[in-house]
Amino acid sequence: MIEILNPALLDRAKVTGALVADILQTLKSRSTVGTNLLDIDRWAKAMIVEAGAESCYVDYAPSFGRGPFNHYICTGVNDAVLHGRPHEYTLADGDLLTLDLAVSKGGVAADAAISFIVGDAKPSESIAMISTTERALAAGIAVAGPGARIGDISHAIGTVLSEAGYPINTEFGGHGIGSTMHQDPHISNSGRPGRGYKLRPGLLLALEPWVMADTAELVTDDDGWTLRSATGCRTAHSEHTIAITEDGAEILTLPTQGQV
């Protein structure tokens, strides 16, 4: 299903997107050395409930997961890149943490992810990998506009990732979003320009370039959800929800002014 939002729903999407972004930034500021991943999940739940929003994850049970996710945020540490299920783990100095959050408010969902280094250690290779996913995300957003095609976004993202030397996995990527979290069209992180669905104003998309340092192969954890790099290498993931407008693309998942 591909949804085109009317102006009223688009206004609601902006509210949801800002909420997602602000929660992520708050969680980032609280995620320090010694923080437990389950604490992050509890904090996310409290902020979602306080905002009168709903989690897109708690009851989420797609074919690629084992049963309902049963948590409020995805937490991926180091080699865990997607669908990281919170568990008993205490963050250490230099850990690469990915937080991926999707909520629904007013009947419209928004989805975003950030990767960052915990503590004072700043491994240069990890910083470069995070930066690459952020640049790839910006490149995908830059070409998104009415009349462009999904392949244009995929090509822009894939060009940045491949030029930086990272293998690209195309099993999981971006997606349409609206009244539900995951919708068509699928947006691969590599593709050919001029191909695929033509973008229209009112379309919401979640773009999410992610990479693993030295492999394109994923393995699934025993929890049935967490996807890790097959070699144990580090990973990074960046994501924004955008709205296609008459003038281009508007990023909906930016923090509100004054949010740290």
Protein backbone atom coordinates (compact mmCIF):
# COMPACT_ATOMS: atom_id res chain seq x y z
CA MET A 1 0.00 0.00 0.00
CA ILE A 2 1.21 3.50 -0.90
CA GLU A 3 -0.49 6.38 0.91
CA ILE A 4 -0.63 10.00 -0.16
CA LEU A 5 -1.32 12.27 2.80
CA ASN A 6 -3.64 15.26 2.66
CA PRO A 7 -2.49 18.57 4.24
CA ALA A 8 -4.21 17.84 7.57
CA LEU A 9 -2.46 14.48 7.92
CA LEU A 10 0.83 16.01 6.83
CA ASP A 11 0.54 18.51 9.70
CA ARG A 12 0.06 15.59 12.08
CA ALA A 13 3.09 13.85 10.56
CA LYS A 14 5.20 16.90 11.38
CA VAL A 15 4.16 16.66 15.02
CA THR A 16 4.97 12.95 15.14
CA GLY A 17 8.30 13.46 13.42
CA ALA A 18 9.40 16.15 15.86
CA LEU A 19 8.42 13.91 18.76
CA VAL A 20 10.54 11.04 17.41
CA ALA A 21 13.52 13.34 16.89
CA ASP A 22 13.27 14.90 20.35
CA ILE A 23 12.99 11.53 22.07
CA LEU A 24 16.05 10.26 20.20
CA GLN A 25 18.10 13.29 21.18
CA THR A 26 17.06 12.98 24.82
CA LEU A 27 17.99 9.31 24.81
CA LYS A 28 21.32 10.11 23.18
CA SER A 29 22.14 12.60 25.95
CA ARG A 30 21.27 10.00 28.61
CA SER A 31 23.15 7.12 26.99
CA THR A 32 26.46 7.29 28.81
CA VAL A 33 29.02 4.78 30.01
CA GLY A 34 27.24 2.50 32.48
CA THR A 35 23.76 2.92 30.95
CA ASN A 36 21.79 -0.31 30.52
CA LEU A 37 19.94 -0.88 27.24
CA LEU A 38 16.81 -1.78 29.21
CA ASP A 39 16.95 1.63 30.88
CA ILE A 40 16.93 3.24 27.43
CA ASP A 41 13.85 1.19 26.56
CA ARG A 42 12.09 2.28 29.78
CA TRP A 43 12.92 5.92 29.14
CA ALA A 44 11.56 5.65 25.59
CA LYS A 45 8.32 4.11 26.87
CA ALA A 46 7.85 6.87 29.44
CA MET A 47 8.33 9.65 26.87
CA ILE A 48 6.05 8.00 24.31
CA VAL A 49 3.27 7.54 26.88
CA GLU A 50 3.70 11.06 28.26
CA ALA A 51 3.30 12.48 24.74
CA GLY A 52 0.05 10.57 24.19
CA ALA A 53 1.66 8.61 21.36
CA GLU A 54 1.85 4.90 20.60
CA SER A 55 4.83 2.66 19.95
CA CYS A 56 5.06 1.09 16.50
CA TYR A 57 7.23 -1.70 17.90
CA VAL A 58 5.63 -3.32 20.95
CA ASP A 59 3.13 -5.50 19.08
CA TYR A 60 5.08 -5.54 15.81
CA ALA A 61 5.35 -9.11 14.51
CA PRO A 62 6.47 -9.25 10.85
CA SER A 63 7.59 -12.39 9.05
CA PHE A 64 11.29 -11.61 9.58
CA GLY A 65 11.00 -11.41 13.38
CA ARG A 66 10.21 -14.08 15.94
CA GLY A 67 6.97 -13.07 17.62
CA PRO A 68 6.08 -9.55 18.81
CA PHE A 69 9.07 -7.23 19.33
CA ASN A 70 7.80 -6.29 22.83
CA HIS A 71 10.03 -3.25 23.28
CA TYR A 72 9.72 0.49 22.57
CA ILE A 73 12.99 1.18 20.76
CA CYS A 74 15.66 -0.67 18.79
CA THR A 75 19.09 -0.56 20.44
CA GLY A 76 22.04 -1.81 18.39
CA VAL A 77 25.55 -1.95 19.87
CA ASN A 78 28.67 -2.28 17.70
CA ASP A 79 27.95 -5.24 15.37
CA ALA A 80 24.15 -5.01 15.80
CA VAL A 81 22.80 -2.86 12.98
CA LEU A 82 19.04 -3.47 12.63
CA HIS A 83 16.11 -4.44 14.86
CA GLY A 84 18.31 -4.52 17.96
CA ARG A 85 16.17 -5.82 20.80
CA PRO A 86 16.99 -4.17 24.15
CA HIS A 87 18.52 -6.58 26.66
CA GLU A 88 20.74 -6.66 29.73
CA TYR A 89 23.84 -4.87 28.48
CA THR A 90 25.78 -2.01 30.06
CA LEU A 91 27.29 0.49 27.67
CA ALA A 92 31.08 0.82 27.70
CA ASP A 93 33.37 3.65 26.65
CA GLY A 94 33.73 3.64 22.86
CA ASP A 95 30.65 1.54 22.11
CA LEU A 96 28.92 2.44 18.85
CA LEU A 97 25.22 2.70 19.71
CA THR A 98 22.34 2.88 17.22
CA LEU A 99 18.90 3.99 18.38
CA ASP A 100 15.99 3.42 16.00
CA LEU A 101 12.55 4.71 16.99
CA ALA A 102 9.12 4.73 15.35
CA VAL A 103 5.96 6.08 16.99
CA SER A 104 2.45 6.96 15.90
CA LYS A 105 0.51 10.03 17.04
CA GLY A 106 -2.71 11.39 15.60
CA GLY A 107 -2.91 8.39 13.31
CA VAL A 108 0.40 9.07 11.53
CA ALA A 109 3.75 7.36 12.13
CA ALA A 110 7.32 8.65 11.89
CA ASP A 111 10.60 6.72 11.98
CA ALA A 112 14.21 7.79 12.54
CA ALA A 113 17.56 6.37 13.63
CA ILE A 114 20.85 7.77 14.88
CA SER A 115 24.27 6.20 15.51
CA PHE A 116 26.87 7.67 17.86
CA ILE A 117 29.83 6.79 20.06
CA VAL A 118 29.29 6.42 23.80
CA GLY A 119 31.75 8.02 26.21
CA ASP A 120 35.06 9.75 25.53
CA ALA A 121 36.69 7.27 23.15
CA LYS A 122 36.30 8.26 19.50
CA PRO A 123 37.40 5.40 17.20
CA SER A 124 38.17 7.09 13.89
CA GLU A 125 36.88 4.24 11.72
CA SER A 126 33.56 4.23 13.57
CA ILE A 127 33.22 8.01 13.29
CA ALA A 128 33.89 7.79 9.55
CA MET A 129 31.29 5.05 9.11
CA ILE A 130 28.62 7.02 10.96
CA SER A 131 29.47 10.10 8.90
CA THR A 132 29.13 8.10 5.69
CA THR A 133 25.59 6.97 6.54
CA GLU A 134 24.68 10.56 7.37
CA ARG A 135 26.09 11.82 4.07
CA ALA A 136 24.29 9.07 2.18
CA LEU A 137 21.04 10.04 3.90
CA ALA A 138 21.55 13.67 2.92
CA ALA A 139 22.26 12.64 -0.67
CA GLY A 140 19.06 10.61 -0.84
CA ILE A 141 17.00 13.47 0.56
CA ALA A 142 18.58 15.93 -1.89
CA VAL A 143 17.25 14.08 -4.94
CA ALA A 144 13.80 13.37 -3.49
CA GLY A 145 11.10 15.58 -4.98
CA PRO A 146 7.98 15.44 -7.12
CA GLY A 147 8.69 13.64 -10.38
CA ALA A 148 11.82 11.90 -9.11
CA ARG A 149 11.76 8.13 -8.79
CA ILE A 150 12.64 5.73 -6.02
CA GLY A 151 15.65 4.57 -8.04
CA ASP A 152 17.05 8.10 -7.94
CA ILE A 153 17.08 7.98 -4.14
CA SER A 154 18.57 4.48 -4.05
CA HIS A 155 21.27 5.46 -6.54
CA ALA A 156 22.22 8.60 -4.59
CA ILE A 157 22.48 6.67 -1.32
CA GLY A 158 24.35 3.76 -2.86
CA THR A 159 26.85 6.02 -4.60
CA VAL A 160 27.96 7.58 -1.31
CA LEU A 161 28.17 4.21 0.47
CA SER A 162 30.06 2.43 -2.30
CA GLU A 163 32.48 5.29 -2.91
CA ALA A 164 33.37 5.14 0.78
CA GLY A 165 34.19 1.46 0.32
CA TYR A 166 31.35 -0.16 2.22
CA PRO A 167 29.58 -3.31 1.01
CA ILE A 168 25.84 -2.72 0.53
CA ASN A 169 23.12 -5.07 1.72
CA THR A 170 19.83 -4.66 -0.16
CA GLU A 171 17.64 -6.98 1.94
CA PHE A 172 16.55 -4.13 4.21
CA GLY A 173 16.25 -0.46 3.36
CA GLY A 174 13.93 2.50 3.45
CA HIS A 175 10.18 2.37 3.06
CA GLY A 176 6.97 4.25 2.72
CA ILE A 177 5.30 5.35 5.94
CA GLY A 178 1.98 6.88 6.92
CA SER A 179 -0.87 5.45 8.96
CA THR A 180 1.40 2.43 9.55
CA MET A 181 5.14 2.20 10.02
CA HIS A 182 6.14 0.00 7.06
CA GLN A 183 4.50 0.55 3.68
CA ASP A 184 5.40 0.43 0.03
CA PRO A 185 7.50 1.48 -1.74
CA HIS A 186 10.66 -0.30 -0.65
CA ILE A 187 13.73 1.94 -0.98
CA SER A 188 16.90 -0.05 -1.48
CA ASN A 189 20.22 1.47 -0.46
CA SER A 190 21.51 0.80 -3.96
CA GLY A 191 19.76 1.15 -7.28
CA ARG A 192 19.49 2.57 -10.77
CA PRO A 193 18.29 6.13 -11.40
CA GLY A 194 15.10 6.69 -13.32
CA ARG A 195 13.52 3.46 -12.12
CA GLY A 196 10.65 2.71 -9.78
CA TYR A 197 7.69 4.58 -8.35
CA LYS A 198 7.40 8.27 -9.25
CA LEU A 199 7.30 10.51 -6.18
CA ARG A 200 4.22 12.67 -5.54
CA PRO A 201 3.50 15.47 -3.05
CA GLY A 202 1.99 14.05 0.11
CA LEU A 203 4.11 10.89 0.05
CA LEU A 204 6.01 10.08 3.25
CA LEU A 205 9.23 8.08 3.05
CA ALA A 206 11.64 6.77 5.67
CA LEU A 207 15.14 6.73 4.17
CA GLU A 208 17.70 4.67 6.09
CA PRO A 209 21.21 4.04 4.81
CA TRP A 210 23.05 1.52 6.98
CA VAL A 211 26.36 -0.25 6.55
CA MET A 212 28.64 -2.88 8.03
CA ALA A 213 32.36 -2.19 7.92
CA ASP A 214 33.54 -5.20 5.94
CA THR A 215 30.58 -7.38 4.93
CA ALA A 216 27.13 -7.27 3.38
CA GLU A 217 26.01 -10.44 5.18
CA LEU A 218 23.66 -10.38 8.16
CA VAL A 219 23.11 -12.97 10.87
CA THR A 220 20.15 -13.13 13.25
CA ASP A 221 20.64 -13.24 17.00
CA ASP A 222 19.16 -15.93 19.20
CA ASP A 223 16.51 -13.38 20.25
CA GLY A 224 14.97 -13.83 16.78
CA TRP A 225 15.20 -10.10 16.02
CA THR A 226 18.60 -8.46 16.29
CA LEU A 227 20.50 -8.44 12.99
CA ARG A 228 24.30 -8.39 13.27
CA SER A 229 27.20 -8.28 10.87
CA ALA A 230 28.27 -11.81 9.93
CA THR A 231 31.93 -11.00 10.65
CA GLY A 232 31.35 -9.20 13.95
CA CYS A 233 32.47 -5.88 12.47
CA ARG A 234 30.99 -2.58 13.55
CA THR A 235 27.92 -1.09 11.90
CA ALA A 236 26.11 2.25 11.58
CA HIS A 237 22.60 3.39 10.64
CA SER A 238 21.04 6.81 9.96
CA GLU A 239 17.38 7.47 9.17
CA HIS A 240 14.93 10.33 8.62
CA THR A 241 11.26 10.46 7.70
CA ILE A 242 10.66 12.93 4.88
CA ALA A 243 7.59 14.34 3.18
CA ILE A 244 7.54 14.94 -0.56
CA THR A 245 6.28 18.47 -1.20
CA GLU A 246 5.73 20.60 -4.28
CA ASP A 247 9.18 22.10 -3.67
CA GLY A 248 11.19 18.97 -2.85
CA ALA A 249 11.58 17.03 0.38
CA GLU A 250 10.91 18.21 3.93
CA ILE A 251 12.66 16.40 6.79
CA LEU A 252 10.08 15.68 9.48
CA THR A 253 12.36 14.05 12.07
CA LEU A 254 14.50 17.03 13.07
CA PRO A 255 14.71 17.99 16.77
CA THR A 256 12.76 21.04 17.86
CA GLN A 257 14.73 24.18 18.69
CA GLY A 258 16.48 24.03 22.03
CA GLN A 259 16.46 20.22 22.21
CA VAL A 260 19.89 18.77 23.00
